[in-house]
């Protein structure tokens, strides 16, 4: 090999290796500092990068679904608490009806006090039916036909439980028809709820949840114990429906947690950096970069040999 001074191939080779080692060292630093394999779009193979981005987006959507399910559980738990209170109130109404007719020692004033409490409980039931949670009505509002055998009159709420949103699985819950459940006939059958009164003879509509004094029960003789018990059965049935919705939502919440855990593990295997491997690479490229710099210095000294020959 001839000795030249215009072109130093050793310096060029050492400089090229120095650039490569520096680039690899920077990648290792980025991976170790971020904990990810993909240091930018060019940090890994495009296929794995695309898969990791899709999985990351799916995990974000699962966070939204998990929040929706949690809020739906809170809604039904709040609804269930109101229904429990409503059932206790209706049970007390049945007790008042029994006390008004079964004790011969009760005077007219005593009977009137039972009626007064009965009317107050009617107003309290009305307030329960008007309850809201964060401005959202807990129970169905307006005219409703209560029918245990059909759910067509329910106000449905759809809760999506997967990362696919509306394209995936969903759970349907409803705002219970509380007012409709408390509207029965004088003989104990169900009837359509309406704002109008109707507390007359047997077979007429009896509305246990009212606030207007014109539509309150004017006499405990106008409402049968069978009608009150029918309303109580209706509220108990609504609690059963709420409990069923809570059960489904709790299963969905557990499913989302499991899905998030497994999807997170899959994402980790794709994009997480191997810290032990990257630490070894960091040490390797750091040494190689220093060696490349030293070789450039050594290669530059070859021109001194040419000067020695020229003297």
C-alpha atoms as a PDB file:
ATOM      1  CA  UNK A   1       0.000   0.000   0.000  1.00  0.00           C
ATOM      2  CA  UNK A   2       1.451   3.383  -1.046  1.00  0.00           C
ATOM      3  CA  UNK A   3       1.866   6.222   1.385  1.00  0.00           C
ATOM      4  CA  UNK A   4      -0.284   9.283   0.523  1.00  0.00           C
ATOM      5  CA  UNK A   5      -1.120  12.569   2.205  1.00  0.00           C
ATOM      6  CA  UNK A   6      -3.989  13.936   0.035  1.00  0.00           C
ATOM      7  CA  UNK A   7      -6.384  11.108   0.946  1.00  0.00           C
ATOM      8  CA  UNK A   8      -6.222   9.290   4.277  1.00  0.00           C
ATOM      9  CA  UNK A   9      -8.431   6.208   3.994  1.00  0.00           C
ATOM     10  CA  UNK A  10      -7.788   5.141   7.591  1.00  0.00           C
ATOM     11  CA  UNK A  11      -9.164   8.432   8.910  1.00  0.00           C
ATOM     12  CA  UNK A  12     -12.258   8.154   6.667  1.00  0.00           C
ATOM     13  CA  UNK A  13     -12.962   4.578   7.852  1.00  0.00           C
ATOM     14  CA  UNK A  14     -12.447   5.492  11.489  1.00  0.00           C
ATOM     15  CA  UNK A  15     -14.723   8.557  11.081  1.00  0.00           C
ATOM     16  CA  UNK A  16     -17.460   6.404   9.526  1.00  0.00           C
ATOM     17  CA  UNK A  17     -17.266   3.918  12.394  1.00  0.00           C
ATOM     18  CA  UNK A  18     -17.297   6.773  14.896  1.00  0.00           C
ATOM     19  CA  UNK A  19     -20.561   8.080  13.373  1.00  0.00           C
ATOM     20  CA  UNK A  20     -22.192   4.643  13.472  1.00  0.00           C
ATOM     21  CA  UNK A  21     -21.154   4.006  17.060  1.00  0.00           C
ATOM     22  CA  UNK A  22     -22.365   7.440  18.106  1.00  0.00           C
ATOM     23  CA  UNK A  23     -25.750   6.810  16.436  1.00  0.00           C
ATOM     24  CA  UNK A  24     -26.110   3.416  18.147  1.00  0.00           C
ATOM     25  CA  UNK A  25     -25.085   4.941  21.475  1.00  0.00           C
ATOM     26  CA  UNK A  26     -27.783   7.614  21.118  1.00  0.00           C
ATOM     27  CA  UNK A  27     -30.407   4.934  20.385  1.00  0.00           C
ATOM     28  CA  UNK A  28     -29.434   3.033  23.523  1.00  0.00           C
ATOM     29  CA  UNK A  29     -29.631   6.224  25.584  1.00  0.00           C
ATOM     30  CA  UNK A  30     -33.090   7.014  24.157  1.00  0.00           C
ATOM     31  CA  UNK A  31     -34.360   3.493  24.821  1.00  0.00           C
ATOM     32  CA  UNK A  32     -33.022   3.444  28.359  1.00  0.00           C
ATOM     33  CA  UNK A  33     -34.361   6.918  29.162  1.00  0.00           C
ATOM     34  CA  UNK A  34     -37.839   6.199  27.683  1.00  0.00           C
ATOM     35  CA  UNK A  35     -38.062   2.497  28.493  1.00  0.00           C
ATOM     36  CA  UNK A  36     -39.334   1.862  24.940  1.00  0.00           C
ATOM     37  CA  UNK A  37     -37.831  -0.065  22.050  1.00  0.00           C
ATOM     38  CA  UNK A  38     -39.074   2.417  19.494  1.00  0.00           C
ATOM     39  CA  UNK A  39     -36.994   5.578  19.697  1.00  0.00           C
ATOM     40  CA  UNK A  40     -38.966   7.382  17.019  1.00  0.00           C
ATOM     41  CA  UNK A  41     -40.463   5.896  13.856  1.00  0.00           C
ATOM     42  CA  UNK A  42     -37.093   4.482  12.776  1.00  0.00           C
ATOM     43  CA  UNK A  43     -36.383   2.872  16.130  1.00  0.00           C
ATOM     44  CA  UNK A  44     -37.900  -0.509  15.317  1.00  0.00           C
ATOM     45  CA  UNK A  45     -39.687  -2.451  12.609  1.00  0.00           C
ATOM     46  CA  UNK A  46     -42.771  -0.685  11.192  1.00  0.00           C
ATOM     47  CA  UNK A  47     -45.088  -3.646  11.769  1.00  0.00           C
ATOM     48  CA  UNK A  48     -44.397  -3.841  15.499  1.00  0.00           C
ATOM     49  CA  UNK A  49     -44.696  -0.081  15.778  1.00  0.00           C
ATOM     50  CA  UNK A  50     -48.133  -0.155  14.104  1.00  0.00           C
ATOM     51  CA  UNK A  51     -49.327  -2.987  16.357  1.00  0.00           C
ATOM     52  CA  UNK A  52     -48.160  -1.169  19.487  1.00  0.00           C
ATOM     53  CA  UNK A  53     -49.965   2.018  18.427  1.00  0.00           C
ATOM     54  CA  UNK A  54     -53.206   0.121  17.810  1.00  0.00           C
ATOM     55  CA  UNK A  55     -52.947  -1.650  21.161  1.00  0.00           C
ATOM     56  CA  UNK A  56     -52.242   1.650  22.891  1.00  0.00           C
ATOM     57  CA  UNK A  57     -55.322   3.211  21.303  1.00  0.00           C
ATOM     58  CA  UNK A  58     -57.437   0.199  22.339  1.00  0.00           C
ATOM     59  CA  UNK A  59     -56.182   0.557  25.921  1.00  0.00           C
ATOM     60  CA  UNK A  60     -57.208   4.221  25.919  1.00  0.00           C
ATOM     61  CA  UNK A  61     -60.677   3.262  24.700  1.00  0.00           C
ATOM     62  CA  UNK A  62     -60.883   0.630  27.438  1.00  0.00           C
ATOM     63  CA  UNK A  63     -60.201   3.367  29.984  1.00  0.00           C
ATOM     64  CA  UNK A  64     -63.283   5.156  28.659  1.00  0.00           C
ATOM     65  CA  UNK A  65     -65.381   1.994  28.805  1.00  0.00           C
ATOM     66  CA  UNK A  66     -64.199   1.313  32.346  1.00  0.00           C
ATOM     67  CA  UNK A  67     -65.215   4.828  33.384  1.00  0.00           C
ATOM     68  CA  UNK A  68     -68.645   4.391  31.776  1.00  0.00           C
ATOM     69  CA  UNK A  69     -69.235   1.087  33.567  1.00  0.00           C
ATOM     70  CA  UNK A  70     -68.144   2.584  36.898  1.00  0.00           C
ATOM     71  CA  UNK A  71     -70.532   5.517  36.432  1.00  0.00           C
ATOM     72  CA  UNK A  72     -73.365   3.133  35.500  1.00  0.00           C
ATOM     73  CA  UNK A  73     -72.698   1.122  38.664  1.00  0.00           C
ATOM     74  CA  UNK A  74     -72.870   4.335  40.703  1.00  0.00           C
ATOM     75  CA  UNK A  75     -76.149   5.248  38.980  1.00  0.00           C
ATOM     76  CA  UNK A  76     -77.771   1.890  39.749  1.00  0.00           C
ATOM     77  CA  UNK A  77     -76.466   1.837  43.324  1.00  0.00           C
ATOM     78  CA  UNK A  78     -78.026   5.267  43.874  1.00  0.00           C
ATOM     79  CA  UNK A  79     -81.247   4.076  42.238  1.00  0.00           C
ATOM     80  CA  UNK A  80     -81.280   0.948  44.387  1.00  0.00           C
ATOM     81  CA  UNK A  81     -80.935   3.017  47.560  1.00  0.00           C
ATOM     82  CA  UNK A  82     -83.951   5.129  46.569  1.00  0.00           C
ATOM     83  CA  UNK A  83     -85.972   2.032  45.720  1.00  0.00           C
ATOM     84  CA  UNK A  84     -85.104   0.527  49.099  1.00  0.00           C
ATOM     85  CA  UNK A  85     -86.363   3.678  50.796  1.00  0.00           C
ATOM     86  CA  UNK A  86     -89.471   3.668  48.602  1.00  0.00           C
ATOM     87  CA  UNK A  87     -90.225   0.064  49.561  1.00  0.00           C
ATOM     88  CA  UNK A  88     -89.965   0.950  53.251  1.00  0.00           C
ATOM     89  CA  UNK A  89     -92.335   3.884  52.764  1.00  0.00           C
ATOM     90  CA  UNK A  90     -94.914   1.744  50.958  1.00  0.00           C
ATOM     91  CA  UNK A  91     -94.608  -0.897  53.676  1.00  0.00           C
ATOM     92  CA  UNK A  92     -95.313   1.804  56.250  1.00  0.00           C
ATOM     93  CA  UNK A  93     -98.368   2.838  54.209  1.00  0.00           C
ATOM     94  CA  UNK A  94     -99.661  -0.722  54.406  1.00  0.00           C
ATOM     95  CA  UNK A  95     -99.086  -0.656  58.152  1.00  0.00           C
ATOM     96  CA  UNK A  96    -101.029   2.614  58.456  1.00  0.00           C
ATOM     97  CA  UNK A  97    -103.899   1.122  56.447  1.00  0.00           C
ATOM     98  CA  UNK A  98    -103.991  -1.870  58.756  1.00  0.00           C
ATOM     99  CA  UNK A  99    -103.871   0.295  61.885  1.00  0.00           C
ATOM    100  CA  UNK A 100    -106.767   2.407  60.648  1.00  0.00           C
ATOM    101  CA  UNK A 101    -109.186  -0.491  60.283  1.00  0.00           C
ATOM    102  CA  UNK A 102    -108.162  -3.226  62.684  1.00  0.00           C
ATOM    103  CA  UNK A 103    -108.144  -1.507  66.083  1.00  0.00           C
ATOM    104  CA  UNK A 104    -111.603  -0.728  67.584  1.00  0.00           C
ATOM    105  CA  UNK A 105    -110.027   1.559  70.187  1.00  0.00           C
ATOM    106  CA  UNK A 106    -108.894   4.115  67.614  1.00  0.00           C
ATOM    107  CA  UNK A 107    -110.882   7.346  67.588  1.00  0.00           C
ATOM    108  CA  UNK A 108    -111.627   9.476  64.532  1.00  0.00           C
ATOM    109  CA  UNK A 109    -108.749  11.755  65.508  1.00  0.00           C
ATOM    110  CA  UNK A 110    -106.408   8.746  65.563  1.00  0.00           C
ATOM    111  CA  UNK A 111    -107.600   7.688  62.132  1.00  0.00           C
ATOM    112  CA  UNK A 112    -107.067  11.250  60.891  1.00  0.00           C
ATOM    113  CA  UNK A 113    -103.486  11.219  62.178  1.00  0.00           C
ATOM    114  CA  UNK A 114    -102.852   8.013  60.211  1.00  0.00           C
ATOM    115  CA  UNK A 115    -104.262   9.686  57.105  1.00  0.00           C
ATOM    116  CA  UNK A 116    -102.051  12.730  57.661  1.00  0.00           C
ATOM    117  CA  UNK A 117     -98.942  10.557  57.845  1.00  0.00           C
ATOM    118  CA  UNK A 118    -100.135   8.610  54.809  1.00  0.00           C
ATOM    119  CA  UNK A 119    -100.437  11.837  52.795  1.00  0.00           C
ATOM    120  CA  UNK A 120     -96.988  12.979  53.934  1.00  0.00           C
ATOM    121  CA  UNK A 121     -95.558   9.660  52.780  1.00  0.00           C
ATOM    122  CA  UNK A 122     -97.244  10.157  49.413  1.00  0.00           C
ATOM    123  CA  UNK A 123     -95.396  13.463  49.021  1.00  0.00           C
ATOM    124  CA  UNK A 124     -92.145  11.817  50.078  1.00  0.00           C
ATOM    125  CA  UNK A 125     -92.609   9.126  47.428  1.00  0.00           C
ATOM    126  CA  UNK A 126     -93.142  11.861  44.857  1.00  0.00           C
ATOM    127  CA  UNK A 127     -89.852  13.500  45.875  1.00  0.00           C
ATOM    128  CA  UNK A 128     -88.057  10.168  45.582  1.00  0.00           C
ATOM    129  CA  UNK A 129     -89.436   9.715  42.079  1.00  0.00           C
ATOM    130  CA  UNK A 130     -88.120  13.162  41.112  1.00  0.00           C
ATOM    131  CA  UNK A 131     -84.569  12.430  42.320  1.00  0.00           C
ATOM    132  CA  UNK A 132     -81.620  13.232  40.072  1.00  0.00           C
ATOM    133  CA  UNK A 133     -77.950  12.280  40.105  1.00  0.00           C
ATOM    134  CA  UNK A 134     -75.680  14.964  38.674  1.00  0.00           C
ATOM    135  CA  UNK A 135     -78.716  16.450  36.950  1.00  0.00           C
ATOM    136  CA  UNK A 136     -79.781  13.115  35.421  1.00  0.00           C
ATOM    137  CA  UNK A 137     -83.204  11.716  36.316  1.00  0.00           C
ATOM    138  CA  UNK A 138     -82.836   8.474  38.251  1.00  0.00           C
ATOM    139  CA  UNK A 139     -86.342   7.277  37.383  1.00  0.00           C
ATOM    140  CA  UNK A 140     -88.444   7.445  34.224  1.00  0.00           C
ATOM    141  CA  UNK A 141     -90.463  10.642  34.014  1.00  0.00           C
ATOM    142  CA  UNK A 142     -93.893  11.335  32.551  1.00  0.00           C
ATOM    143  CA  UNK A 143     -96.691   8.957  31.614  1.00  0.00           C
ATOM    144  CA  UNK A 144     -95.619   5.344  31.918  1.00  0.00           C
ATOM    145  CA  UNK A 145     -97.493   2.062  31.717  1.00  0.00           C
ATOM    146  CA  UNK A 146     -96.051  -0.321  34.248  1.00  0.00           C
ATOM    147  CA  UNK A 147     -96.009  -3.933  33.113  1.00  0.00           C
ATOM    148  CA  UNK A 148     -93.717  -6.497  34.664  1.00  0.00           C
ATOM    149  CA  UNK A 149     -94.041  -8.767  31.647  1.00  0.00           C
ATOM    150  CA  UNK A 150     -92.765  -6.105  29.222  1.00  0.00           C
ATOM    151  CA  UNK A 151     -89.923  -3.614  29.312  1.00  0.00           C
ATOM    152  CA  UNK A 152     -91.070  -1.537  26.321  1.00  0.00           C
ATOM    153  CA  UNK A 153     -91.885   1.448  28.490  1.00  0.00           C
ATOM    154  CA  UNK A 154     -88.467   1.671  30.139  1.00  0.00           C
ATOM    155  CA  UNK A 155     -86.078   4.514  29.387  1.00  0.00           C
ATOM    156  CA  UNK A 156     -83.028   2.608  28.224  1.00  0.00           C
ATOM    157  CA  UNK A 157     -79.413   3.526  28.939  1.00  0.00           C
ATOM    158  CA  UNK A 158     -76.783   1.694  26.863  1.00  0.00           C
ATOM    159  CA  UNK A 159     -73.367   1.108  28.443  1.00  0.00           C
ATOM    160  CA  UNK A 160     -70.604  -0.074  26.084  1.00  0.00           C
ATOM    161  CA  UNK A 161     -68.174  -2.439  27.753  1.00  0.00           C
ATOM    162  CA  UNK A 162     -65.362  -3.066  25.221  1.00  0.00           C
ATOM    163  CA  UNK A 163     -62.733  -1.076  23.333  1.00  0.00           C
ATOM    164  CA  UNK A 164     -64.845  -1.430  20.155  1.00  0.00           C
ATOM    165  CA  UNK A 165     -67.440   1.039  21.469  1.00  0.00           C
ATOM    166  CA  UNK A 166     -70.836   0.724  19.794  1.00  0.00           C
ATOM    167  CA  UNK A 167     -69.455  -2.071  17.580  1.00  0.00           C
ATOM    168  CA  UNK A 168     -68.705  -4.231  20.631  1.00  0.00           C
ATOM    169  CA  UNK A 169     -70.792  -5.699  23.430  1.00  0.00           C
ATOM    170  CA  UNK A 170     -73.027  -3.511  25.578  1.00  0.00           C
ATOM    171  CA  UNK A 171     -75.232  -3.715  28.660  1.00  0.00           C
ATOM    172  CA  UNK A 172     -78.652  -2.087  28.718  1.00  0.00           C
ATOM    173  CA  UNK A 173     -79.858  -0.623  32.008  1.00  0.00           C
ATOM    174  CA  UNK A 174     -82.934   1.500  32.575  1.00  0.00           C
ATOM    175  CA  UNK A 175     -84.422   4.252  34.633  1.00  0.00           C
ATOM    176  CA  UNK A 176     -86.961   2.379  36.735  1.00  0.00           C
ATOM    177  CA  UNK A 177     -90.605   3.344  36.302  1.00  0.00           C
ATOM    178  CA  UNK A 178     -90.979   4.268  39.949  1.00  0.00           C
ATOM    179  CA  UNK A 179     -94.109   6.393  39.555  1.00  0.00           C
ATOM    180  CA  UNK A 180     -95.719   3.818  37.295  1.00  0.00           C
ATOM    181  CA  UNK A 181     -95.028   1.102  39.861  1.00  0.00           C
ATOM    182  CA  UNK A 182     -96.821   3.151  42.518  1.00  0.00           C
ATOM    183  CA  UNK A 183     -99.932   3.652  40.352  1.00  0.00           C
ATOM    184  CA  UNK A 184    -102.340   0.760  40.829  1.00  0.00           C
ATOM    185  CA  UNK A 185    -106.070   0.161  40.750  1.00  0.00           C
ATOM    186  CA  UNK A 186    -108.140   0.130  43.858  1.00  0.00           C
ATOM    187  CA  UNK A 187    -108.308  -3.650  43.636  1.00  0.00           C
ATOM    188  CA  UNK A 188    -104.554  -4.082  43.370  1.00  0.00           C
ATOM    189  CA  UNK A 189    -103.944  -4.282  39.629  1.00  0.00           C
ATOM    190  CA  UNK A 190    -101.482  -2.116  37.669  1.00  0.00           C
ATOM    191  CA  UNK A 191    -102.531   0.915  35.681  1.00  0.00           C
ATOM    192  CA  UNK A 192    -100.991   3.735  33.670  1.00  0.00           C
ATOM    193  CA  UNK A 193     -99.422   6.516  35.660  1.00  0.00           C
ATOM    194  CA  UNK A 194    -100.934   9.982  35.161  1.00  0.00           C
ATOM    195  CA  UNK A 195    -100.886  13.297  36.977  1.00  0.00           C
ATOM    196  CA  UNK A 196    -104.658  13.248  37.459  1.00  0.00           C
ATOM    197  CA  UNK A 197    -106.131  11.936  40.655  1.00  0.00           C
ATOM    198  CA  UNK A 198    -108.613   9.157  41.029  1.00  0.00           C
ATOM    199  CA  UNK A 199    -108.898   7.845  44.557  1.00  0.00           C
ATOM    200  CA  UNK A 200    -112.513   6.841  44.507  1.00  0.00           C
ATOM    201  CA  UNK A 201    -114.228   3.512  44.402  1.00  0.00           C
ATOM    202  CA  UNK A 202    -112.678   0.092  44.004  1.00  0.00           C
ATOM    203  CA  UNK A 203    -111.129  -0.322  40.561  1.00  0.00           C
ATOM    204  CA  UNK A 204    -110.222   3.372  40.168  1.00  0.00           C
ATOM    205  CA  UNK A 205    -106.602   4.472  39.805  1.00  0.00           C
ATOM    206  CA  UNK A 206    -104.699   4.877  43.074  1.00  0.00           C
ATOM    207  CA  UNK A 207    -101.527   6.976  42.866  1.00  0.00           C
ATOM    208  CA  UNK A 208     -99.405   6.571  45.956  1.00  0.00           C
ATOM    209  CA  UNK A 209     -96.797   9.134  44.835  1.00  0.00           C
ATOM    210  CA  UNK A 210     -98.441  12.563  44.691  1.00  0.00           C
ATOM    211  CA  UNK A 211     -97.713  16.014  46.088  1.00  0.00           C
ATOM    212  CA  UNK A 212    -100.878  17.880  45.104  1.00  0.00           C
ATOM    213  CA  UNK A 213    -103.341  17.890  48.000  1.00  0.00           C
ATOM    214  CA  UNK A 214    -106.195  17.593  45.499  1.00  0.00           C
ATOM    215  CA  UNK A 215    -104.975  14.163  44.410  1.00  0.00           C
ATOM    216  CA  UNK A 216    -103.898  12.773  47.764  1.00  0.00           C
ATOM    217  CA  UNK A 217    -105.843  10.004  49.423  1.00  0.00           C
ATOM    218  CA  UNK A 218    -108.750  11.723  51.139  1.00  0.00           C
ATOM    219  CA  UNK A 219    -109.633   8.718  53.242  1.00  0.00           C
ATOM    220  CA  UNK A 220    -107.835   5.482  54.021  1.00  0.00           C
ATOM    221  CA  UNK A 221    -111.114   3.746  53.226  1.00  0.00           C
ATOM    222  CA  UNK A 222    -110.573   4.701  49.552  1.00  0.00           C
ATOM    223  CA  UNK A 223    -107.446   2.590  49.191  1.00  0.00           C
ATOM    224  CA  UNK A 224    -107.362  -1.157  49.665  1.00  0.00           C
ATOM    225  CA  UNK A 225    -104.588  -3.036  51.375  1.00  0.00           C
ATOM    226  CA  UNK A 226    -104.313  -5.146  48.228  1.00  0.00           C
ATOM    227  CA  UNK A 227    -103.533  -2.046  46.163  1.00  0.00           C
ATOM    228  CA  UNK A 228    -100.756  -0.986  48.538  1.00  0.00           C
ATOM    229  CA  UNK A 229     -99.324  -4.494  48.567  1.00  0.00           C
ATOM    230  CA  UNK A 230     -99.433  -4.539  44.767  1.00  0.00           C
ATOM    231  CA  UNK A 231     -97.428  -1.286  44.688  1.00  0.00           C
ATOM    232  CA  UNK A 232     -94.959  -2.792  47.166  1.00  0.00           C
ATOM    233  CA  UNK A 233     -94.550  -5.861  44.957  1.00  0.00           C
ATOM    234  CA  UNK A 234     -93.897  -3.590  41.987  1.00  0.00           C
ATOM    235  CA  UNK A 235     -91.139  -1.671  43.822  1.00  0.00           C
ATOM    236  CA  UNK A 236     -89.566  -4.925  44.992  1.00  0.00           C
ATOM    237  CA  UNK A 237     -89.599  -6.161  41.388  1.00  0.00           C
ATOM    238  CA  UNK A 238     -87.873  -2.949  40.267  1.00  0.00           C
ATOM    239  CA  UNK A 239     -85.171  -3.518  42.891  1.00  0.00           C
ATOM    240  CA  UNK A 240     -84.663  -6.988  41.459  1.00  0.00           C
ATOM    241  CA  UNK A 241     -84.177  -5.495  37.981  1.00  0.00           C
ATOM    242  CA  UNK A 242     -81.695  -2.994  39.382  1.00  0.00           C
ATOM    243  CA  UNK A 243     -79.808  -5.781  41.157  1.00  0.00           C
ATOM    244  CA  UNK A 244     -79.645  -7.713  37.881  1.00  0.00           C
ATOM    245  CA  UNK A 245     -78.187  -4.677  36.121  1.00  0.00           C
ATOM    246  CA  UNK A 246     -75.608  -4.235  38.867  1.00  0.00           C
ATOM    247  CA  UNK A 247     -74.607  -7.886  38.562  1.00  0.00           C
ATOM    248  CA  UNK A 248     -74.055  -7.573  34.809  1.00  0.00           C
ATOM    249  CA  UNK A 249     -72.098  -4.349  35.227  1.00  0.00           C
ATOM    250  CA  UNK A 250     -69.871  -5.851  37.910  1.00  0.00           C
ATOM    251  CA  UNK A 251     -69.064  -8.780  35.614  1.00  0.00           C
ATOM    252  CA  UNK A 252     -68.345  -6.296  32.815  1.00  0.00           C
ATOM    253  CA  UNK A 253     -66.050  -4.302  35.121  1.00  0.00           C
ATOM    254  CA  UNK A 254     -64.100  -7.463  35.995  1.00  0.00           C
ATOM    255  CA  UNK A 255     -63.891  -8.360  32.299  1.00  0.00           C
ATOM    256  CA  UNK A 256     -62.519  -4.920  31.409  1.00  0.00           C
ATOM    257  CA  UNK A 257     -59.893  -5.149  34.145  1.00  0.00           C
ATOM    258  CA  UNK A 258     -58.764  -8.553  32.845  1.00  0.00           C
ATOM    259  CA  UNK A 259     -58.753  -7.316  29.246  1.00  0.00           C
ATOM    260  CA  UNK A 260     -56.699  -4.277  30.196  1.00  0.00           C
ATOM    261  CA  UNK A 261     -54.206  -6.428  32.092  1.00  0.00           C
ATOM    262  CA  UNK A 262     -53.720  -8.866  29.204  1.00  0.00           C
ATOM    263  CA  UNK A 263     -53.628  -6.149  26.545  1.00  0.00           C
ATOM    264  CA  UNK A 264     -51.124  -4.182  28.627  1.00  0.00           C
ATOM    265  CA  UNK A 265     -48.911  -7.256  28.906  1.00  0.00           C
ATOM    266  CA  UNK A 266     -49.053  -7.770  25.133  1.00  0.00           C
ATOM    267  CA  UNK A 267     -48.169  -4.129  24.534  1.00  0.00           C
ATOM    268  CA  UNK A 268     -45.292  -4.371  26.995  1.00  0.00           C
ATOM    269  CA  UNK A 269     -43.803  -7.348  25.182  1.00  0.00           C
ATOM    270  CA  UNK A 270     -43.865  -5.401  21.914  1.00  0.00           C
ATOM    271  CA  UNK A 271     -42.636  -1.940  22.861  1.00  0.00           C
ATOM    272  CA  UNK A 272     -40.854  -2.132  26.213  1.00  0.00           C
ATOM    273  CA  UNK A 273     -37.059  -2.063  26.069  1.00  0.00           C
ATOM    274  CA  UNK A 274     -34.968  -4.813  27.665  1.00  0.00           C
ATOM    275  CA  UNK A 275     -33.063  -2.745  30.217  1.00  0.00           C
ATOM    276  CA  UNK A 276     -30.337  -5.354  30.784  1.00  0.00           C
ATOM    277  CA  UNK A 277     -29.704  -5.732  27.045  1.00  0.00           C
ATOM    278  CA  UNK A 278     -29.730  -1.991  26.390  1.00  0.00           C
ATOM    279  CA  UNK A 279     -27.350  -1.380  29.324  1.00  0.00           C
ATOM    280  CA  UNK A 280     -24.880  -3.818  27.774  1.00  0.00           C
ATOM    281  CA  UNK A 281     -25.243  -2.084  24.398  1.00  0.00           C
ATOM    282  CA  UNK A 282     -24.706   1.295  26.042  1.00  0.00           C
ATOM    283  CA  UNK A 283     -21.405   0.149  27.504  1.00  0.00           C
ATOM    284  CA  UNK A 284     -20.413  -1.488  24.202  1.00  0.00           C
ATOM    285  CA  UNK A 285     -21.079   1.528  21.959  1.00  0.00           C
ATOM    286  CA  UNK A 286     -19.557   3.900  24.483  1.00  0.00           C
ATOM    287  CA  UNK A 287     -16.293   1.937  24.344  1.00  0.00           C
ATOM    288  CA  UNK A 288     -16.450   1.611  20.549  1.00  0.00           C
ATOM    289  CA  UNK A 289     -17.013   5.341  20.129  1.00  0.00           C
ATOM    290  CA  UNK A 290     -13.989   6.126  22.290  1.00  0.00           C
ATOM    291  CA  UNK A 291     -11.936   3.567  20.355  1.00  0.00           C
ATOM    292  CA  UNK A 292     -13.040   5.094  17.034  1.00  0.00           C
ATOM    293  CA  UNK A 293     -12.005   8.535  18.222  1.00  0.00           C
ATOM    294  CA  UNK A 294      -8.627   7.154  19.295  1.00  0.00           C
ATOM    295  CA  UNK A 295      -8.137   5.477  15.888  1.00  0.00           C
ATOM    296  CA  UNK A 296      -8.865   8.751  14.095  1.00  0.00           C
ATOM    297  CA  UNK A 297      -6.113  10.313  16.140  1.00  0.00           C
ATOM    298  CA  UNK A 298      -3.756   7.442  15.263  1.00  0.00           C
ATOM    299  CA  UNK A 299      -4.648   7.595  11.567  1.00  0.00           C
ATOM    300  CA  UNK A 300      -3.947  11.323  11.473  1.00  0.00           C
ATOM    301  CA  UNK A 301      -0.392  10.621  12.634  1.00  0.00           C
ATOM    302  CA  UNK A 302       0.350   8.701   9.396  1.00  0.00           C
ATOM    303  CA  UNK A 303       1.023  12.019   7.665  1.00  0.00           C
ATOM    304  CA  UNK A 304       3.929  12.513  10.014  1.00  0.00           C
ATOM    305  CA  UNK A 305       5.626   9.504   8.397  1.00  0.00           C
ATOM    306  CA  UNK A 306       5.461  11.267   5.036  1.00  0.00           C
ATOM    307  CA  UNK A 307       7.138  14.345   6.567  1.00  0.00           C
ATOM    308  CA  UNK A 308       9.935  12.172   7.919  1.00  0.00           C
ATOM    309  CA  UNK A 309      10.655  10.839   4.425  1.00  0.00           C
ATOM    310  CA  UNK A 310      10.718  14.383   3.016  1.00  0.00           C
ATOM    311  CA  UNK A 311      13.409  15.609   5.449  1.00  0.00           C
END
